[in-house]
Amino acid sequence: MASVKPQLLAAISGAIGAYLQEEEAILAAALAPAGPARPAPPANLWGSSGRQWTMTTRQLLQRRSLR
């Protein structure tokens, strides 16, 4: 086997070391806790009221209570 030049060996070792450091940084960033979660948007009371009215009216129509 032919001998490897020291400069080439150093370049290969440096590239492997940099790759491993980058992988460790990515893993550490993935395991780090995220910032605080955003609160849920407020409930749309007008929309809920309209859906409730629609469901109630449909039930009354199905029971034939509105006729």
N, C-alpha and C. Protein backbone atom coordinates (compact mmCIF):
# COMPACT_ATOMS: atom_id res chain seq x y z
N MET A 1 0.85 -1.17 0.00
CA MET A 1 0.00 0.00 0.00
C MET A 1 0.89 1.23 0.00
N ALA A 2 0.56 2.17 -0.83
CA ALA A 2 1.36 3.38 -0.93
C ALA A 2 1.13 4.24 0.31
N SER A 3 2.15 4.95 0.71
CA SER A 3 2.02 5.79 1.90
C SER A 3 1.19 7.05 1.56
N VAL A 4 0.44 7.51 2.55
CA VAL A 4 -0.41 8.68 2.38
C VAL A 4 0.39 9.90 2.81
N LYS A 5 0.31 10.95 2.03
CA LYS A 5 1.04 12.16 2.37
C LYS A 5 0.48 12.75 3.66
N PRO A 6 1.33 13.32 4.49
CA PRO A 6 0.86 13.89 5.76
C PRO A 6 -0.16 15.02 5.57
N GLN A 7 0.00 15.81 4.51
CA GLN A 7 -0.95 16.89 4.28
C GLN A 7 -2.34 16.35 3.95
N LEU A 8 -2.38 15.30 3.15
CA LEU A 8 -3.65 14.69 2.78
C LEU A 8 -4.30 14.04 4.00
N LEU A 9 -3.50 13.38 4.81
CA LEU A 9 -4.00 12.76 6.03
C LEU A 9 -4.57 13.81 6.98
N ALA A 10 -3.89 14.96 7.10
CA ALA A 10 -4.37 16.03 7.96
C ALA A 10 -5.68 16.60 7.43
N ALA A 11 -5.81 16.75 6.12
CA ALA A 11 -7.04 17.27 5.52
C ALA A 11 -8.20 16.32 5.75
N ILE A 12 -7.95 15.03 5.60
CA ILE A 12 -9.01 14.04 5.82
C ILE A 12 -9.42 14.04 7.28
N SER A 13 -8.45 14.06 8.18
CA SER A 13 -8.75 14.07 9.61
C SER A 13 -9.53 15.33 10.00
N GLY A 14 -9.17 16.46 9.46
CA GLY A 14 -9.87 17.71 9.75
C GLY A 14 -11.30 17.69 9.26
N ALA A 15 -11.50 17.14 8.06
CA ALA A 15 -12.85 17.06 7.51
C ALA A 15 -13.74 16.15 8.34
N ILE A 16 -13.19 15.02 8.77
CA ILE A 16 -13.96 14.09 9.60
C ILE A 16 -14.29 14.73 10.94
N GLY A 17 -13.31 15.42 11.54
CA GLY A 17 -13.54 16.09 12.81
C GLY A 17 -14.60 17.18 12.71
N ALA A 18 -14.56 17.97 11.63
CA ALA A 18 -15.57 19.01 11.42
C ALA A 18 -16.95 18.42 11.23
N TYR A 19 -17.02 17.32 10.50
CA TYR A 19 -18.31 16.65 10.29
C TYR A 19 -18.89 16.15 11.61
N LEU A 20 -18.05 15.54 12.43
CA LEU A 20 -18.53 15.03 13.72
C LEU A 20 -18.98 16.16 14.64
N GLN A 21 -18.27 17.29 14.63
CA GLN A 21 -18.67 18.43 15.44
C GLN A 21 -20.02 18.98 14.98
N GLU A 22 -20.21 19.03 13.67
CA GLU A 22 -21.47 19.54 13.14
C GLU A 22 -22.63 18.61 13.52
N GLU A 23 -22.40 17.31 13.44
CA GLU A 23 -23.43 16.35 13.84
C GLU A 23 -23.78 16.50 15.31
N GLU A 24 -22.78 16.67 16.17
CA GLU A 24 -23.03 16.86 17.60
C GLU A 24 -23.81 18.15 17.85
N ALA A 25 -23.50 19.21 17.12
CA ALA A 25 -24.21 20.48 17.28
C ALA A 25 -25.67 20.34 16.86
N ILE A 26 -25.91 19.63 15.78
CA ILE A 26 -27.29 19.41 15.32
C ILE A 26 -28.06 18.59 16.34
N LEU A 27 -27.44 17.56 16.88
CA LEU A 27 -28.09 16.72 17.88
C LEU A 27 -28.38 17.52 19.15
N ALA A 28 -27.44 18.34 19.59
CA ALA A 28 -27.65 19.16 20.78
C ALA A 28 -28.77 20.17 20.56
N ALA A 29 -28.86 20.74 19.37
CA ALA A 29 -29.92 21.70 19.07
C ALA A 29 -31.28 21.01 19.04
N ALA A 30 -31.32 19.78 18.58
CA ALA A 30 -32.58 19.05 18.52
C ALA A 30 -33.06 18.67 19.92
N LEU A 31 -32.13 18.41 20.82
CA LEU A 31 -32.50 18.00 22.17
C LEU A 31 -32.76 19.19 23.09
N ALA A 32 -32.34 20.38 22.69
CA ALA A 32 -32.54 21.57 23.52
C ALA A 32 -34.03 21.90 23.57
N PRO A 33 -34.49 22.36 24.73
CA PRO A 33 -35.92 22.69 24.83
C PRO A 33 -36.26 23.90 23.95
N ALA A 34 -37.42 23.83 23.35
CA ALA A 34 -37.87 24.92 22.49
C ALA A 34 -38.37 26.07 23.36
N GLY A 35 -38.58 27.18 22.75
CA GLY A 35 -39.10 28.35 23.46
C GLY A 35 -40.51 28.08 23.96
N PRO A 36 -41.08 29.03 24.67
CA PRO A 36 -42.43 28.81 25.19
C PRO A 36 -43.44 28.67 24.06
N ALA A 37 -44.39 27.79 24.26
CA ALA A 37 -45.40 27.54 23.24
C ALA A 37 -46.35 28.74 23.16
N ARG A 38 -46.80 29.02 21.95
CA ARG A 38 -47.73 30.13 21.78
C ARG A 38 -49.10 29.72 22.32
N PRO A 39 -49.82 30.65 22.92
CA PRO A 39 -51.15 30.31 23.43
C PRO A 39 -52.12 30.06 22.28
N ALA A 40 -53.14 29.31 22.57
CA ALA A 40 -54.14 29.00 21.55
C ALA A 40 -54.93 30.26 21.23
N PRO A 41 -55.42 30.37 20.01
CA PRO A 41 -56.22 31.56 19.66
C PRO A 41 -57.51 31.55 20.46
N PRO A 42 -58.07 32.71 20.72
CA PRO A 42 -59.31 32.77 21.49
C PRO A 42 -60.46 32.09 20.75
N ALA A 43 -61.40 31.57 21.50
CA ALA A 43 -62.54 30.88 20.90
C ALA A 43 -63.44 31.88 20.20
N ASN A 44 -63.98 31.49 19.07
CA ASN A 44 -64.90 32.33 18.32
C ASN A 44 -66.31 32.05 18.85
N LEU A 45 -66.79 32.90 19.75
CA LEU A 45 -68.08 32.65 20.39
C LEU A 45 -69.25 32.83 19.43
N TRP A 46 -69.13 33.73 18.48
CA TRP A 46 -70.20 33.91 17.50
C TRP A 46 -70.34 32.67 16.63
N GLY A 47 -69.23 32.11 16.22
CA GLY A 47 -69.28 30.90 15.40
C GLY A 47 -69.84 29.72 16.18
N SER A 48 -69.44 29.58 17.44
CA SER A 48 -69.95 28.49 18.28
C SER A 48 -71.44 28.63 18.49
N SER A 49 -71.89 29.86 18.73
CA SER A 49 -73.30 30.10 18.94
C SER A 49 -74.11 29.76 17.70
N GLY A 50 -73.60 30.12 16.54
CA GLY A 50 -74.30 29.81 15.30
C GLY A 50 -74.39 28.32 15.03
N ARG A 51 -73.30 27.61 15.28
CA ARG A 51 -73.32 26.15 15.10
C ARG A 51 -74.28 25.49 16.08
N GLN A 52 -74.29 25.97 17.33
CA GLN A 52 -75.20 25.41 18.33
C GLN A 52 -76.65 25.64 17.93
N TRP A 53 -76.97 26.84 17.43
CA TRP A 53 -78.33 27.15 17.00
C TRP A 53 -78.74 26.24 15.85
N THR A 54 -77.81 26.03 14.91
CA THR A 54 -78.10 25.18 13.75
C THR A 54 -78.37 23.74 14.19
N MET A 55 -77.57 23.24 15.12
CA MET A 55 -77.77 21.86 15.58
C MET A 55 -79.08 21.72 16.34
N THR A 56 -79.41 22.70 17.16
CA THR A 56 -80.65 22.65 17.94
C THR A 56 -81.85 22.71 17.01
N THR A 57 -81.80 23.60 16.02
CA THR A 57 -82.91 23.72 15.07
C THR A 57 -83.08 22.42 14.29
N ARG A 58 -81.99 21.81 13.91
CA ARG A 58 -82.10 20.54 13.16
C ARG A 58 -82.73 19.45 14.03
N GLN A 59 -82.34 19.39 15.29
CA GLN A 59 -82.94 18.39 16.19
C GLN A 59 -84.43 18.62 16.33
N LEU A 60 -84.84 19.88 16.48
CA LEU A 60 -86.26 20.17 16.62
C LEU A 60 -87.03 19.81 15.35
N LEU A 61 -86.42 20.07 14.18
CA LEU A 61 -87.07 19.70 12.93
C LEU A 61 -87.18 18.19 12.79
N GLN A 62 -86.14 17.46 13.21
CA GLN A 62 -86.19 16.00 13.10
C GLN A 62 -87.23 15.42 14.05
N ARG A 63 -87.44 16.06 15.18
CA ARG A 63 -88.47 15.59 16.12
C ARG A 63 -89.86 16.11 15.74
N ARG A 64 -89.90 16.95 14.73
CA ARG A 64 -91.15 17.58 14.25
C ARG A 64 -91.77 18.46 15.34
N SER A 65 -90.91 19.10 16.10
CA SER A 65 -91.39 19.97 17.18
C SER A 65 -91.66 21.38 16.69
N LEU A 66 -91.12 21.76 15.56
CA LEU A 66 -91.26 23.13 15.10
C LEU A 66 -92.48 23.32 14.19
N ARG A 67 -93.15 22.26 13.84
CA ARG A 67 -94.26 22.39 12.88
C ARG A 67 -95.52 22.83 13.53
